[in-house]
Amino acid sequence: MTTFCERCRALRSIEDWRETHDEMMSIVLGPCGHVARRSARLEWHVPPRAPLRLVRRTPDHERVAMS
């Protein structure tokens, strides 16, 4: 796995990472050894025209599993 090193201005491999306080992540890059700090929050990209599907409500005896 790789990520961009701001100091080297190049793609570097990820050697180690750990989650710190306040939803931040410290990522040790190799071979330069620089540490990148990124948000550990998961963000989902939603396309502007994401297809939506309406689900009709079912009677109580028909249970539907949703995820």
N, C-alpha and C. Protein backbone atom coordinates (compact mmCIF):
# COMPACT_ATOMS: atom_id res chain seq x y z
N MET A 1 0.84 -1.16 0.00
CA MET A 1 0.00 0.00 0.00
C MET A 1 0.90 1.24 0.00
N THR A 2 0.51 2.27 -0.72
CA THR A 2 1.31 3.49 -0.80
C THR A 2 0.46 4.71 -0.49
N THR A 3 1.16 5.79 -0.15
CA THR A 3 0.51 7.09 0.04
C THR A 3 1.52 8.17 -0.32
N PHE A 4 1.07 9.39 -0.44
CA PHE A 4 1.91 10.49 -0.88
C PHE A 4 2.63 11.11 0.32
N CYS A 5 3.97 11.27 0.22
CA CYS A 5 4.76 11.93 1.25
C CYS A 5 4.87 13.40 0.88
N GLU A 6 4.35 14.28 1.73
CA GLU A 6 4.36 15.72 1.47
C GLU A 6 5.78 16.29 1.44
N ARG A 7 6.66 15.75 2.29
CA ARG A 7 8.03 16.29 2.36
C ARG A 7 8.89 15.85 1.19
N CYS A 8 8.76 14.60 0.78
CA CYS A 8 9.55 14.07 -0.35
C CYS A 8 8.89 14.38 -1.70
N ARG A 9 7.60 14.69 -1.67
CA ARG A 9 6.81 14.92 -2.88
C ARG A 9 6.84 13.68 -3.79
N ALA A 10 6.66 12.51 -3.16
CA ALA A 10 6.69 11.25 -3.90
C ALA A 10 5.79 10.22 -3.21
N LEU A 11 5.42 9.18 -3.96
CA LEU A 11 4.67 8.07 -3.37
C LEU A 11 5.62 7.22 -2.53
N ARG A 12 5.19 6.86 -1.35
CA ARG A 12 6.00 6.04 -0.44
C ARG A 12 5.17 4.89 0.10
N SER A 13 5.85 3.83 0.50
CA SER A 13 5.16 2.68 1.08
C SER A 13 4.79 2.98 2.53
N ILE A 14 3.73 2.35 3.01
CA ILE A 14 3.31 2.49 4.40
C ILE A 14 3.95 1.36 5.18
N GLU A 15 4.82 1.73 6.14
CA GLU A 15 5.51 0.72 6.95
C GLU A 15 4.77 0.40 8.23
N ASP A 16 4.14 1.41 8.83
CA ASP A 16 3.45 1.21 10.10
C ASP A 16 2.43 2.33 10.26
N TRP A 17 1.37 2.05 11.02
CA TRP A 17 0.42 3.11 11.36
C TRP A 17 -0.20 2.81 12.70
N ARG A 18 -0.65 3.87 13.35
CA ARG A 18 -1.36 3.71 14.62
C ARG A 18 -2.36 4.84 14.76
N GLU A 19 -3.45 4.51 15.42
CA GLU A 19 -4.49 5.49 15.65
C GLU A 19 -4.18 6.23 16.95
N THR A 20 -4.21 7.55 16.90
CA THR A 20 -3.94 8.37 18.07
C THR A 20 -5.25 9.00 18.54
N HIS A 21 -5.16 9.86 19.51
CA HIS A 21 -6.36 10.52 20.03
C HIS A 21 -7.01 11.41 18.97
N ASP A 22 -8.24 11.79 19.19
CA ASP A 22 -8.98 12.71 18.32
C ASP A 22 -9.13 12.22 16.88
N GLU A 23 -9.33 10.92 16.71
CA GLU A 23 -9.57 10.34 15.39
C GLU A 23 -8.48 10.67 14.38
N MET A 24 -7.23 10.71 14.83
CA MET A 24 -6.10 10.96 13.94
C MET A 24 -5.29 9.68 13.80
N MET A 25 -4.60 9.55 12.68
CA MET A 25 -3.81 8.37 12.39
C MET A 25 -2.39 8.81 12.04
N SER A 26 -1.39 8.20 12.68
CA SER A 26 0.01 8.46 12.35
C SER A 26 0.49 7.33 11.45
N ILE A 27 1.01 7.70 10.28
CA ILE A 27 1.45 6.73 9.29
C ILE A 27 2.94 6.91 9.05
N VAL A 28 3.73 5.86 9.31
CA VAL A 28 5.17 5.90 9.07
C VAL A 28 5.43 5.44 7.65
N LEU A 29 6.12 6.27 6.88
CA LEU A 29 6.37 5.99 5.48
C LEU A 29 7.77 5.44 5.27
N GLY A 30 7.95 4.61 4.28
CA GLY A 30 9.26 4.06 3.99
C GLY A 30 9.62 4.30 2.54
N PRO A 31 10.85 4.40 2.23
CA PRO A 31 12.03 4.28 3.07
C PRO A 31 12.45 5.59 3.73
N CYS A 32 11.71 6.69 3.51
CA CYS A 32 12.13 7.99 4.02
C CYS A 32 11.98 8.12 5.54
N GLY A 33 11.02 7.43 6.15
CA GLY A 33 10.83 7.50 7.59
C GLY A 33 9.97 8.66 8.06
N HIS A 34 9.48 9.47 7.13
CA HIS A 34 8.61 10.58 7.52
C HIS A 34 7.30 10.05 8.08
N VAL A 35 6.65 10.87 8.92
CA VAL A 35 5.38 10.48 9.51
C VAL A 35 4.29 11.40 8.95
N ALA A 36 3.27 10.80 8.37
CA ALA A 36 2.12 11.55 7.86
C ALA A 36 0.99 11.40 8.86
N ARG A 37 0.27 12.47 9.08
CA ARG A 37 -0.89 12.43 9.97
C ARG A 37 -2.14 12.65 9.14
N ARG A 38 -3.07 11.72 9.28
CA ARG A 38 -4.31 11.78 8.52
C ARG A 38 -5.49 11.56 9.45
N SER A 39 -6.65 11.99 9.02
CA SER A 39 -7.88 11.75 9.76
C SER A 39 -8.20 10.26 9.69
N ALA A 40 -8.56 9.68 10.82
CA ALA A 40 -8.90 8.25 10.85
C ALA A 40 -10.39 8.03 10.61
N ARG A 41 -11.15 9.12 10.43
CA ARG A 41 -12.58 8.99 10.15
C ARG A 41 -12.79 8.41 8.78
N LEU A 42 -13.74 7.54 8.68
CA LEU A 42 -14.08 6.92 7.40
C LEU A 42 -15.04 7.84 6.67
N GLU A 43 -14.72 8.18 5.44
CA GLU A 43 -15.58 9.03 4.63
C GLU A 43 -15.96 8.27 3.37
N TRP A 44 -17.21 8.36 3.02
CA TRP A 44 -17.71 7.67 1.84
C TRP A 44 -17.94 8.67 0.74
N HIS A 45 -17.47 8.36 -0.45
CA HIS A 45 -17.73 9.18 -1.62
C HIS A 45 -19.06 8.78 -2.22
N VAL A 46 -19.95 9.74 -2.36
CA VAL A 46 -21.25 9.47 -2.97
C VAL A 46 -21.32 10.24 -4.27
N PRO A 47 -21.45 9.54 -5.38
CA PRO A 47 -21.54 10.23 -6.67
C PRO A 47 -22.73 11.18 -6.68
N PRO A 48 -22.66 12.29 -7.42
CA PRO A 48 -23.74 13.26 -7.43
C PRO A 48 -25.07 12.69 -7.88
N ARG A 49 -25.05 11.72 -8.76
CA ARG A 49 -26.30 11.12 -9.24
C ARG A 49 -26.41 9.67 -8.80
N ALA A 50 -26.26 9.47 -7.52
CA ALA A 50 -26.37 8.11 -6.98
C ALA A 50 -27.80 7.61 -7.15
N PRO A 51 -27.98 6.39 -7.65
CA PRO A 51 -29.34 5.86 -7.82
C PRO A 51 -29.98 5.61 -6.46
N LEU A 52 -31.19 6.07 -6.30
CA LEU A 52 -31.93 5.86 -5.06
C LEU A 52 -33.04 4.85 -5.33
N ARG A 53 -33.30 4.01 -4.34
CA ARG A 53 -34.36 3.03 -4.49
C ARG A 53 -35.27 3.12 -3.28
N LEU A 54 -36.54 3.33 -3.51
CA LEU A 54 -37.50 3.40 -2.42
C LEU A 54 -37.94 1.99 -2.06
N VAL A 55 -38.07 1.73 -0.77
CA VAL A 55 -38.50 0.44 -0.28
C VAL A 55 -39.85 0.63 0.39
N ARG A 56 -40.85 -0.12 -0.08
CA ARG A 56 -42.18 -0.01 0.51
C ARG A 56 -42.21 -0.63 1.90
N ARG A 57 -43.00 -0.03 2.74
CA ARG A 57 -43.16 -0.56 4.09
C ARG A 57 -43.99 -1.83 4.02
N THR A 58 -43.55 -2.84 4.76
CA THR A 58 -44.27 -4.12 4.76
C THR A 58 -45.07 -4.26 6.04
N PRO A 59 -46.10 -5.09 6.01
CA PRO A 59 -46.84 -5.35 7.25
C PRO A 59 -45.90 -5.98 8.30
N ASP A 60 -46.31 -5.90 9.57
CA ASP A 60 -45.48 -6.38 10.67
C ASP A 60 -45.10 -7.86 10.55
N HIS A 61 -45.97 -8.67 9.97
CA HIS A 61 -45.67 -10.11 9.87
C HIS A 61 -44.63 -10.40 8.79
N GLU A 62 -44.31 -9.44 7.93
CA GLU A 62 -43.28 -9.63 6.91
C GLU A 62 -42.05 -8.81 7.31
N ARG A 63 -41.13 -9.43 7.98
CA ARG A 63 -39.91 -8.75 8.43
C ARG A 63 -38.91 -8.68 7.29
N VAL A 64 -38.26 -7.55 7.20
CA VAL A 64 -37.25 -7.34 6.17
C VAL A 64 -35.95 -6.95 6.82
N ALA A 65 -34.85 -7.63 6.47
CA ALA A 65 -33.54 -7.29 7.02
C ALA A 65 -32.94 -6.17 6.17
N MET A 66 -32.48 -5.14 6.83
CA MET A 66 -31.85 -4.00 6.13
C MET A 66 -30.45 -3.84 6.66
N SER A 67 -29.52 -3.41 5.81
CA SER A 67 -28.17 -3.14 6.28
C SER A 67 -27.75 -1.75 5.86
